[in-house]
Amino acid sequence: MHIVIIAGGAGSRLWPVSREAHPKPFIRMADGYSLLQKTYLRGQSAAEVESVTTVTNRELFFRTEDDYHELVPDQPLHYVLEPFGRNTAPAIAAAALELEQRYGEDALMLVLPADHLIQNEDAFTQAVSIASEAASEGQLVTFGIRPTQPETGFGYIEVGAGSNVTNGQVMSVKQFVEKPDRELAEQYLAGGHHLWNAGMFCFRVGSLLEELALHASELLGSVKRTLEAAQISEIDGQSITRLCAKTFGAVVDDSIDYALMEKSSRVAVVPCELGWSDIGSWLAMAELTESDEDGNQVDGEAELESTRNCYIRSNDRMVATVGVQDLVIVDTPDALLVAHKGQSQDVKKIVQRLKAKGGELHQHHVTVHRPWGTYTVLEEGVRFKMKRIEVKPQASLSLQMHHHRSEHWIVVSGTAKVVNGENDILLRTNESTYIPAGHQHRLENPGVIPLVMIEVQSGEYLGEDDIVRFEDSYGRC
């Protein structure tokens, strides 16, 4: 089995924890694992896995790699890096074409979204076994979740005529159904012929490509051209395919459901009960937390007085509530969300407004991840900004220059190897250097422990785009 993890989407309904540069797959759950990590581990335990391919945005590559490195520091992985999102059909097609080239058309691929949660992993393993048998015979297999409530936020799959959904068997698909209204969702639940569409799939690579050629030939052709123009690197058994923005821009934006599954006559579904959630809102996240006697669900530290039916998440400071009910309260270092539970889906409207206004609240947290480590903005004002910078062992920032700002670096812990103009300097704890605007400079951690330092910027313009890179270990320009 070859696992294909699709790590796309912004998860705007889970703002302010989920942001464009730190989307839903990287949200940490109560057990300390991110959704991406849990997806990887789930796939590994469900079948005998020969390879893992992750399709994600190229800006998230190093963040993704960090999450995997915590689990399997030495295992080579495969990546397909998109310059921008084009939905699931191009992502799955690109992964299938790469798998065909490396492993042949008989390879089985299990496609898993990186941002879903499955609590019954034994049932998942059983469903994968059933799906793989059907996929080996040429069927395009999707997974359907037996509905437990009249959910209006999911798409549905209607099984073949005369059949009621039963675990442990493969069933024909009559049709895929869009998200219904409440009345229709209640009919689906009562009728017993509909399943929630989980967005997980199992294919024989050759069968998938045959059906794409039949029903989505233009999409398949454009993905092939994109792969032909891609930049591919192989390092120690790990392959990284960077798709070309120009050719990928010509690929139609379409989901695998619309492009193929709704059209093919070879589609089958495995009904299952997995304890599944796509965690599409803060209400869905709240359901994962145990309630107290007043119906409150708390993740973090909180003091509640006359508070009922509220979900509170705060990992950095204590939240106190008095005389409120039916609220979602999510606190992060730079943004606080307070929403009525009945309107939790509308959080995405706030994100849209923030994006329209500019700034970074929709995109970054206070702590920003970079390939070399992280930086945290401690304070900023007119003509100054202070950052805490942490550099991984043996990592380095780019050789760069700023037009509009000077910088003062002070080492807090570890050792810093610094290029400052014409000088090469080694700085230890409590030592510092000043970098005037216009000077080429570079910061490197030559040690085996993280380098922590404080950076004080001053100048007329302090934006992150005031940077000219001359050399970079991570291919940035």
Foldseek 3Di string as FASTA:
>chain_A
DEEEEEEDDQLLLPPPVTFAQQGQQNDADPVRAGLLLVVVVLVVVLDPYDAYEYEYAPSCVLVSVVNVCVPPVPDAHEYEHEPDDQAAPLSVLLVLVVCCVVPNQQDKYKYHYSRKDFDASVQVSLLVVQQQVLQSVLFKEFEFEQDPALDQPFKKWFFDPPDAADADHKTHTPAIGHRDPSVVSVVCNVVRGMTTGNLIIMHRSNSVVVQCCVQPVVLSVLSVVQQVPWDWDADPNHIYTYTDNVSVVPHHRDYCCVRGVRPDRRYIYHYTHGNMDSCSHVVSVQVVADADPQLEGEADAEAEECEHNEYEYDHDDYYYDYNYYQWYWYDDPPDIDIDHVVCSNCSSVVLVVDVVVDDDSNHDGQWRADSQGIKGWPDDDQFKTKIKDKGAAFGKFFFKFFAWKKKKKAWQAAWKFKDAAPDTDIDHHGDIDIHGHPTTMMIGHNDNHMTIIMMMMGGNDDDPPRMDGDGGPPPDD
